[in-house]
Amino acid sequence: MADGFPAWYRAYGDGVNIRTRPDPGATSVGQLQTDDRVLVTSLPVTGGAYGAQCGSQPGDQWYPVDHFGQRRYVITACLERV
């Protein structure tokens, strides 16, 4: 468990996309709703820039998450550690 990961996080927005790559143009393979939980597998990575989401400023940081055994990505702005 390096750097406190993996760890459970919760979504605090509806319709938060789970993407195949850390980029807003990547394919969405699912969505999180408020209070859904997801397993974040490591520290954030820098990816494609996104606009203001979930009440935050624009950014380019993405959490790698486990989605049915596959590595996928969710913007950091819409997740908080449980």
PDB file of N, CA and C in Angstrom:
ATOM      1  N   MET A   1       0.855  -1.175   0.000  1.00  0.00           N
ATOM      2  CA  MET A   1       0.000   0.000   0.000  1.00  0.00           C
ATOM      3  C   MET A   1       0.895   1.230   0.000  1.00  0.00           C
ATOM      4  N   ALA A   2       1.402   1.617  -1.142  1.00  0.00           N
ATOM      5  CA  ALA A   2       2.294   2.762  -1.273  1.00  0.00           C
ATOM      6  C   ALA A   2       1.496   4.059  -1.319  1.00  0.00           C
ATOM      7  N   ASP A   3       1.979   5.060  -0.609  1.00  0.00           N
ATOM      8  CA  ASP A   3       1.356   6.391  -0.613  1.00  0.00           C
ATOM      9  C   ASP A   3      -0.113   6.373  -0.205  1.00  0.00           C
ATOM     10  N   GLY A   4      -0.536   5.367   0.567  1.00  0.00           N
ATOM     11  CA  GLY A   4      -1.917   5.301   1.027  1.00  0.00           C
ATOM     12  C   GLY A   4      -2.901   4.784  -0.010  1.00  0.00           C
ATOM     13  N   PHE A   5      -2.412   4.143  -1.046  1.00  0.00           N
ATOM     14  CA  PHE A   5      -3.279   3.606  -2.101  1.00  0.00           C
ATOM     15  C   PHE A   5      -3.070   2.113  -2.207  1.00  0.00           C
ATOM     16  N   PRO A   6      -4.086   1.357  -2.599  1.00  0.00           N
ATOM     17  CA  PRO A   6      -5.408   1.805  -3.030  1.00  0.00           C
ATOM     18  C   PRO A   6      -6.237   2.331  -1.866  1.00  0.00           C
ATOM     19  N   ALA A   7      -7.235   3.149  -2.193  1.00  0.00           N
ATOM     20  CA  ALA A   7      -8.113   3.736  -1.186  1.00  0.00           C
ATOM     21  C   ALA A   7      -9.484   4.006  -1.810  1.00  0.00           C
ATOM     22  N   TRP A   8     -10.504   3.953  -0.961  1.00  0.00           N
ATOM     23  CA  TRP A   8     -11.864   4.229  -1.431  1.00  0.00           C
ATOM     24  C   TRP A   8     -12.123   5.729  -1.452  1.00  0.00           C
ATOM     25  N   TYR A   9     -12.744   6.176  -2.528  1.00  0.00           N
ATOM     26  CA  TYR A   9     -13.156   7.568  -2.704  1.00  0.00           C
ATOM     27  C   TYR A   9     -14.636   7.567  -3.053  1.00  0.00           C
ATOM     28  N   ARG A  10     -15.284   8.715  -2.821  1.00  0.00           N
ATOM     29  CA  ARG A  10     -16.694   8.847  -3.196  1.00  0.00           C
ATOM     30  C   ARG A  10     -16.851   9.993  -4.177  1.00  0.00           C
ATOM     31  N   ALA A  11     -17.836   9.865  -5.040  1.00  0.00           N
ATOM     32  CA  ALA A  11     -18.145  10.920  -6.004  1.00  0.00           C
ATOM     33  C   ALA A  11     -19.005  11.974  -5.320  1.00  0.00           C
ATOM     34  N   TYR A  12     -18.771  13.234  -5.640  1.00  0.00           N
ATOM     35  CA  TYR A  12     -19.671  14.269  -5.135  1.00  0.00           C
ATOM     36  C   TYR A  12     -20.229  15.109  -6.274  1.00  0.00           C
ATOM     37  N   GLY A  13     -20.701  14.398  -7.255  1.00  0.00           N
ATOM     38  CA  GLY A  13     -21.396  14.993  -8.382  1.00  0.00           C
ATOM     39  C   GLY A  13     -22.113  13.885  -9.136  1.00  0.00           C
ATOM     40  N   ASP A  14     -23.131  14.228  -9.871  1.00  0.00           N
ATOM     41  CA  ASP A  14     -23.855  13.240 -10.667  1.00  0.00           C
ATOM     42  C   ASP A  14     -23.317  13.225 -12.092  1.00  0.00           C
ATOM     43  N   GLY A  15     -23.287  12.050 -12.683  1.00  0.00           N
ATOM     44  CA  GLY A  15     -22.841  11.922 -14.066  1.00  0.00           C
ATOM     45  C   GLY A  15     -21.345  12.089 -14.244  1.00  0.00           C
ATOM     46  N   VAL A  16     -20.559  11.709 -13.231  1.00  0.00           N
ATOM     47  CA  VAL A  16     -19.096  11.808 -13.311  1.00  0.00           C
ATOM     48  C   VAL A  16     -18.596  10.657 -14.184  1.00  0.00           C
ATOM     49  N   ASN A  17     -17.976  10.988 -15.291  1.00  0.00           N
ATOM     50  CA  ASN A  17     -17.546   9.973 -16.248  1.00  0.00           C
ATOM     51  C   ASN A  17     -16.334   9.181 -15.777  1.00  0.00           C
ATOM     52  N   ILE A  18     -16.368   7.895 -16.075  1.00  0.00           N
ATOM     53  CA  ILE A  18     -15.228   6.996 -15.907  1.00  0.00           C
ATOM     54  C   ILE A  18     -14.698   6.778 -17.322  1.00  0.00           C
ATOM     55  N   ARG A  19     -13.434   7.137 -17.555  1.00  0.00           N
ATOM     56  CA  ARG A  19     -12.904   7.137 -18.923  1.00  0.00           C
ATOM     57  C   ARG A  19     -11.773   6.128 -19.120  1.00  0.00           C
ATOM     58  N   THR A  20     -11.578   5.751 -20.378  1.00  0.00           N
ATOM     59  CA  THR A  20     -10.549   4.766 -20.715  1.00  0.00           C
ATOM     60  C   THR A  20      -9.141   5.337 -20.623  1.00  0.00           C
ATOM     61  N   ARG A  21      -8.999   6.628 -20.786  1.00  0.00           N
ATOM     62  CA  ARG A  21      -7.707   7.318 -20.673  1.00  0.00           C
ATOM     63  C   ARG A  21      -7.936   8.601 -19.879  1.00  0.00           C
ATOM     64  N   PRO A  22      -6.877   9.195 -19.338  1.00  0.00           N
ATOM     65  CA  PRO A  22      -7.037  10.442 -18.581  1.00  0.00           C
ATOM     66  C   PRO A  22      -7.192  11.654 -19.505  1.00  0.00           C
ATOM     67  N   ASP A  23      -8.320  11.694 -20.188  1.00  0.00           N
ATOM     68  CA  ASP A  23      -8.572  12.758 -21.156  1.00  0.00           C
ATOM     69  C   ASP A  23     -10.083  12.902 -21.330  1.00  0.00           C
ATOM     70  N   PRO A  24     -10.590  14.148 -21.367  1.00  0.00           N
ATOM     71  CA  PRO A  24     -12.036  14.323 -21.505  1.00  0.00           C
ATOM     72  C   PRO A  24     -12.585  13.824 -22.842  1.00  0.00           C
ATOM     73  N   GLY A  25     -11.723  13.637 -23.833  1.00  0.00           N
ATOM     74  CA  GLY A  25     -12.162  13.125 -25.121  1.00  0.00           C
ATOM     75  C   GLY A  25     -12.153  11.606 -25.211  1.00  0.00           C
ATOM     76  N   ALA A  26     -11.654  10.941 -24.173  1.00  0.00           N
ATOM     77  CA  ALA A  26     -11.595   9.476 -24.168  1.00  0.00           C
ATOM     78  C   ALA A  26     -12.992   8.891 -23.979  1.00  0.00           C
ATOM     79  N   THR A  27     -13.148   7.668 -24.392  1.00  0.00           N
ATOM     80  CA  THR A  27     -14.427   6.968 -24.267  1.00  0.00           C
ATOM     81  C   THR A  27     -14.854   6.863 -22.809  1.00  0.00           C
ATOM     82  N   SER A  28     -16.121   7.174 -22.549  1.00  0.00           N
ATOM     83  CA  SER A  28     -16.701   6.994 -21.220  1.00  0.00           C
ATOM     84  C   SER A  28     -17.255   5.578 -21.140  1.00  0.00           C
ATOM     85  N   VAL A  29     -16.826   4.835 -20.106  1.00  0.00           N
ATOM     86  CA  VAL A  29     -17.280   3.450 -19.942  1.00  0.00           C
ATOM     87  C   VAL A  29     -18.266   3.306 -18.786  1.00  0.00           C
ATOM     88  N   GLY A  30     -18.621   4.419 -18.173  1.00  0.00           N
ATOM     89  CA  GLY A  30     -19.573   4.407 -17.071  1.00  0.00           C
ATOM     90  C   GLY A  30     -19.636   5.773 -16.424  1.00  0.00           C
ATOM     91  N   GLN A  31     -20.551   5.915 -15.484  1.00  0.00           N
ATOM     92  CA  GLN A  31     -20.698   7.166 -14.751  1.00  0.00           C
ATOM     93  C   GLN A  31     -20.911   6.883 -13.279  1.00  0.00           C
ATOM     94  N   LEU A  32     -20.426   7.810 -12.464  1.00  0.00           N
ATOM     95  CA  LEU A  32     -20.655   7.769 -11.025  1.00  0.00           C
ATOM     96  C   LEU A  32     -21.713   8.798 -10.675  1.00  0.00           C
ATOM     97  N   GLN A  33     -22.526   8.472  -9.683  1.00  0.00           N
ATOM     98  CA  GLN A  33     -23.507   9.408  -9.144  1.00  0.00           C
ATOM     99  C   GLN A  33     -23.051   9.812  -7.741  1.00  0.00           C
ATOM    100  N   THR A  34     -23.627  10.869  -7.211  1.00  0.00           N
ATOM    101  CA  THR A  34     -23.262  11.346  -5.876  1.00  0.00           C
ATOM    102  C   THR A  34     -23.276  10.200  -4.876  1.00  0.00           C
ATOM    103  N   ASP A  35     -22.209  10.104  -4.106  1.00  0.00           N
ATOM    104  CA  ASP A  35     -21.987   9.103  -3.056  1.00  0.00           C
ATOM    105  C   ASP A  35     -21.611   7.716  -3.568  1.00  0.00           C
ATOM    106  N   ASP A  36     -21.550   7.496  -4.888  1.00  0.00           N
ATOM    107  CA  ASP A  36     -20.997   6.235  -5.384  1.00  0.00           C
ATOM    108  C   ASP A  36     -19.548   6.145  -4.941  1.00  0.00           C
ATOM    109  N   ARG A  37     -19.102   4.924  -4.671  1.00  0.00           N
ATOM    110  CA  ARG A  37     -17.727   4.709  -4.238  1.00  0.00           C
ATOM    111  C   ARG A  37     -16.927   4.048  -5.350  1.00  0.00           C
ATOM    112  N   VAL A  38     -15.641   4.397  -5.401  1.00  0.00           N
ATOM    113  CA  VAL A  38     -14.745   3.841  -6.403  1.00  0.00           C
ATOM    114  C   VAL A  38     -13.380   3.629  -5.755  1.00  0.00           C
ATOM    115  N   LEU A  39     -12.673   2.587  -6.170  1.00  0.00           N
ATOM    116  CA  LEU A  39     -11.354   2.290  -5.629  1.00  0.00           C
ATOM    117  C   LEU A  39     -10.295   3.002  -6.462  1.00  0.00           C
ATOM    118  N   VAL A  40      -9.645   3.992  -5.835  1.00  0.00           N
ATOM    119  CA  VAL A  40      -8.541   4.711  -6.479  1.00  0.00           C
ATOM    120  C   VAL A  40      -7.279   3.901  -6.230  1.00  0.00           C
ATOM    121  N   THR A  41      -6.537   3.611  -7.301  1.00  0.00           N
ATOM    122  CA  THR A  41      -5.416   2.680  -7.195  1.00  0.00           C
ATOM    123  C   THR A  41      -4.060   3.326  -6.967  1.00  0.00           C
ATOM    124  N   SER A  42      -3.924   4.627  -7.254  1.00  0.00           N
ATOM    125  CA  SER A  42      -2.629   5.286  -7.055  1.00  0.00           C
ATOM    126  C   SER A  42      -2.793   6.799  -7.076  1.00  0.00           C
ATOM    127  N   LEU A  43      -1.683   7.481  -6.911  1.00  0.00           N
ATOM    128  CA  LEU A  43      -1.684   8.941  -6.958  1.00  0.00           C
ATOM    129  C   LEU A  43      -2.222   9.432  -8.300  1.00  0.00           C
ATOM    130  N   PRO A  44      -2.705  10.684  -8.354  1.00  0.00           N
ATOM    131  CA  PRO A  44      -3.225  11.221  -9.612  1.00  0.00           C
ATOM    132  C   PRO A  44      -2.143  11.297 -10.688  1.00  0.00           C
ATOM    133  N   VAL A  45      -2.600  11.258 -11.927  1.00  0.00           N
ATOM    134  CA  VAL A  45      -1.727  11.434 -13.082  1.00  0.00           C
ATOM    135  C   VAL A  45      -2.175  12.680 -13.834  1.00  0.00           C
ATOM    136  N   THR A  46      -1.246  13.278 -14.566  1.00  0.00           N
ATOM    137  CA  THR A  46      -1.575  14.430 -15.397  1.00  0.00           C
ATOM    138  C   THR A  46      -2.089  13.924 -16.734  1.00  0.00           C
ATOM    139  N   GLY A  47      -3.206  14.479 -17.155  1.00  0.00           N
ATOM    140  CA  GLY A  47      -3.803  14.066 -18.422  1.00  0.00           C
ATOM    141  C   GLY A  47      -4.367  15.267 -19.145  1.00  0.00           C
ATOM    142  N   GLY A  48      -5.375  15.021 -19.951  1.00  0.00           N
ATOM    143  CA  GLY A  48      -6.013  16.084 -20.700  1.00  0.00           C
ATOM    144  C   GLY A  48      -6.739  17.060 -19.786  1.00  0.00           C
ATOM    145  N   ALA A  49      -6.689  18.336 -20.152  1.00  0.00           N
ATOM    146  CA  ALA A  49      -7.321  19.387 -19.349  1.00  0.00           C
ATOM    147  C   ALA A  49      -8.840  19.318 -19.489  1.00  0.00           C
ATOM    148  N   TYR A  50      -9.519  19.615 -18.388  1.00  0.00           N
ATOM    149  CA  TYR A  50     -10.979  19.648 -18.373  1.00  0.00           C
ATOM    150  C   TYR A  50     -11.437  20.967 -17.777  1.00  0.00           C
ATOM    151  N   GLY A  51     -12.662  21.350 -18.102  1.00  0.00           N
ATOM    152  CA  GLY A  51     -13.241  22.575 -17.575  1.00  0.00           C
ATOM    153  C   GLY A  51     -13.698  22.402 -16.138  1.00  0.00           C
ATOM    154  N   ALA A  52     -14.298  23.451 -15.594  1.00  0.00           N
ATOM    155  CA  ALA A  52     -14.792  23.411 -14.215  1.00  0.00           C
ATOM    156  C   ALA A  52     -15.788  22.262 -14.068  1.00  0.00           C
ATOM    157  N   GLN A  53     -15.556  21.418 -13.065  1.00  0.00           N
ATOM    158  CA  GLN A  53     -16.408  20.262 -12.804  1.00  0.00           C
ATOM    159  C   GLN A  53     -16.665  20.174 -11.310  1.00  0.00           C
ATOM    160  N   CYS A  54     -17.842  19.729 -10.930  1.00  0.00           N
ATOM    161  CA  CYS A  54     -18.170  19.463  -9.521  1.00  0.00           C
ATOM    162  C   CYS A  54     -17.852  20.657  -8.627  1.00  0.00           C
ATOM    163  N   GLY A  55     -18.020  21.850  -9.143  1.00  0.00           N
ATOM    164  CA  GLY A  55     -17.811  23.050  -8.345  1.00  0.00           C
ATOM    165  C   GLY A  55     -16.362  23.456  -8.168  1.00  0.00           C
ATOM    166  N   SER A  56     -15.460  22.877  -8.946  1.00  0.00           N
ATOM    167  CA  SER A  56     -14.040  23.203  -8.792  1.00  0.00           C
ATOM    168  C   SER A  56     -13.529  23.977 -10.002  1.00  0.00           C
ATOM    169  N   GLN A  57     -12.283  24.355  -9.929  1.00  0.00           N
ATOM    170  CA  GLN A  57     -11.616  25.028 -11.032  1.00  0.00           C
ATOM    171  C   GLN A  57     -11.246  24.007 -12.114  1.00  0.00           C
ATOM    172  N   PRO A  58     -10.986  24.473 -13.331  1.00  0.00           N
ATOM    173  CA  PRO A  58     -10.494  23.568 -14.365  1.00  0.00           C
ATOM    174  C   PRO A  58      -9.195  22.900 -13.910  1.00  0.00           C
ATOM    175  N   GLY A  59      -8.889  21.758 -14.470  1.00  0.00           N
ATOM    176  CA  GLY A  59      -7.670  21.057 -14.082  1.00  0.00           C
ATOM    177  C   GLY A  59      -7.261  20.023 -15.105  1.00  0.00           C
ATOM    178  N   ASP A  60      -6.240  19.241 -14.738  1.00  0.00           N
ATOM    179  CA  ASP A  60      -5.754  18.188 -15.629  1.00  0.00           C
ATOM    180  C   ASP A  60      -5.286  16.956 -14.852  1.00  0.00           C
ATOM    181  N   GLN A  61      -5.765  16.814 -13.616  1.00  0.00           N
ATOM    182  CA  GLN A  61      -5.371  15.685 -12.783  1.00  0.00           C
ATOM    183  C   GLN A  61      -6.480  14.632 -12.760  1.00  0.00           C
ATOM    184  N   TRP A  62      -6.070  13.387 -12.900  1.00  0.00           N
ATOM    185  CA  TRP A  62      -6.996  12.259 -12.996  1.00  0.00           C
ATOM    186  C   TRP A  62      -6.566  11.164 -12.037  1.00  0.00           C
ATOM    187  N   TYR A  63      -7.535  10.559 -11.342  1.00  0.00           N
ATOM    188  CA  TYR A  63      -7.237   9.399 -10.502  1.00  0.00           C
ATOM    189  C   TYR A  63      -7.377   8.123 -11.332  1.00  0.00           C
ATOM    190  N   PRO A  64      -6.379   7.240 -11.266  1.00  0.00           N
ATOM    191  CA  PRO A  64      -6.565   5.903 -11.815  1.00  0.00           C
ATOM    192  C   PRO A  64      -7.501   5.133 -10.878  1.00  0.00           C
ATOM    193  N   VAL A  65      -8.494   4.479 -11.429  1.00  0.00           N
ATOM    194  CA  VAL A  65      -9.457   3.729 -10.623  1.00  0.00           C
ATOM    195  C   VAL A  65      -9.599   2.313 -11.171  1.00  0.00           C
ATOM    196  N   ASP A  66     -10.062   1.413 -10.307  1.00  0.00           N
ATOM    197  CA  ASP A  66     -10.379   0.055 -10.733  1.00  0.00           C
ATOM    198  C   ASP A  66     -11.854   0.026 -11.117  1.00  0.00           C
ATOM    199  N   HIS A  67     -12.125  -0.317 -12.353  1.00  0.00           N
ATOM    200  CA  HIS A  67     -13.498  -0.401 -12.859  1.00  0.00           C
ATOM    201  C   HIS A  67     -13.680  -1.780 -13.475  1.00  0.00           C
ATOM    202  N   PHE A  68     -14.264  -2.700 -12.694  1.00  0.00           N
ATOM    203  CA  PHE A  68     -14.468  -4.083 -13.127  1.00  0.00           C
ATOM    204  C   PHE A  68     -13.156  -4.727 -13.573  1.00  0.00           C
ATOM    205  N   GLY A  69     -12.099  -4.493 -12.780  1.00  0.00           N
ATOM    206  CA  GLY A  69     -10.810  -5.112 -13.046  1.00  0.00           C
ATOM    207  C   GLY A  69      -9.962  -4.414 -14.093  1.00  0.00           C
ATOM    208  N   GLN A  70     -10.443  -3.315 -14.636  1.00  0.00           N
ATOM    209  CA  GLN A  70      -9.705  -2.553 -15.645  1.00  0.00           C
ATOM    210  C   GLN A  70      -9.256  -1.219 -15.070  1.00  0.00           C
ATOM    211  N   ARG A  71      -8.083  -0.744 -15.484  1.00  0.00           N
ATOM    212  CA  ARG A  71      -7.636   0.588 -15.072  1.00  0.00           C
ATOM    213  C   ARG A  71      -8.367   1.615 -15.922  1.00  0.00           C
ATOM    214  N   ARG A  72      -9.074   2.506 -15.233  1.00  0.00           N
ATOM    215  CA  ARG A  72      -9.811   3.594 -15.869  1.00  0.00           C
ATOM    216  C   ARG A  72      -9.468   4.879 -15.125  1.00  0.00           C
ATOM    217  N   TYR A  73     -10.069   6.020 -15.540  1.00  0.00           N
ATOM    218  CA  TYR A  73      -9.689   7.311 -14.973  1.00  0.00           C
ATOM    219  C   TYR A  73     -10.904   8.182 -14.682  1.00  0.00           C
ATOM    220  N   VAL A  74     -10.815   8.913 -13.566  1.00  0.00           N
ATOM    221  CA  VAL A  74     -11.850   9.863 -13.154  1.00  0.00           C
ATOM    222  C   VAL A  74     -11.141  11.149 -12.744  1.00  0.00           C
ATOM    223  N   ILE A  75     -11.718  12.299 -13.106  1.00  0.00           N
ATOM    224  CA  ILE A  75     -11.082  13.564 -12.729  1.00  0.00           C
ATOM    225  C   ILE A  75     -11.049  13.707 -11.208  1.00  0.00           C
ATOM    226  N   THR A  76      -9.962  14.258 -10.710  1.00  0.00           N
ATOM    227  CA  THR A  76      -9.793  14.400  -9.260  1.00  0.00           C
ATOM    228  C   THR A  76     -10.801  15.372  -8.668  1.00  0.00           C
ATOM    229  N   ALA A  77     -11.274  16.327  -9.463  1.00  0.00           N
ATOM    230  CA  ALA A  77     -12.168  17.365  -8.957  1.00  0.00           C
ATOM    231  C   ALA A  77     -13.481  16.817  -8.410  1.00  0.00           C
ATOM    232  N   CYS A  78     -13.866  15.613  -8.815  1.00  0.00           N
ATOM    233  CA  CYS A  78     -15.175  15.073  -8.437  1.00  0.00           C
ATOM    234  C   CYS A  78     -15.107  13.917  -7.451  1.00  0.00           C
ATOM    235  N   LEU A  79     -13.935  13.668  -6.878  1.00  0.00           N
ATOM    236  CA  LEU A  79     -13.787  12.582  -5.912  1.00  0.00           C
ATOM    237  C   LEU A  79     -13.192  13.093  -4.618  1.00  0.00           C
ATOM    238  N   GLU A  80     -13.620  12.502  -3.507  1.00  0.00           N
ATOM    239  CA  GLU A  80     -12.996  12.792  -2.219  1.00  0.00           C
ATOM    240  C   GLU A  80     -12.814  11.488  -1.463  1.00  0.00           C
ATOM    241  N   ARG A  81     -11.741  11.443  -0.693  1.00  0.00           N
ATOM    242  CA  ARG A  81     -11.417  10.218   0.041  1.00  0.00           C
ATOM    243  C   ARG A  81     -12.460   9.949   1.114  1.00  0.00           C
ATOM    244  N   VAL A  82     -12.833   8.683   1.254  1.00  0.00           N
ATOM    245  CA  VAL A  82     -13.829   8.279   2.247  1.00  0.00           C
ATOM    246  C   VAL A  82     -13.145   8.111   3.591  1.00  0.00           C
TER     247      VAL A  82
END
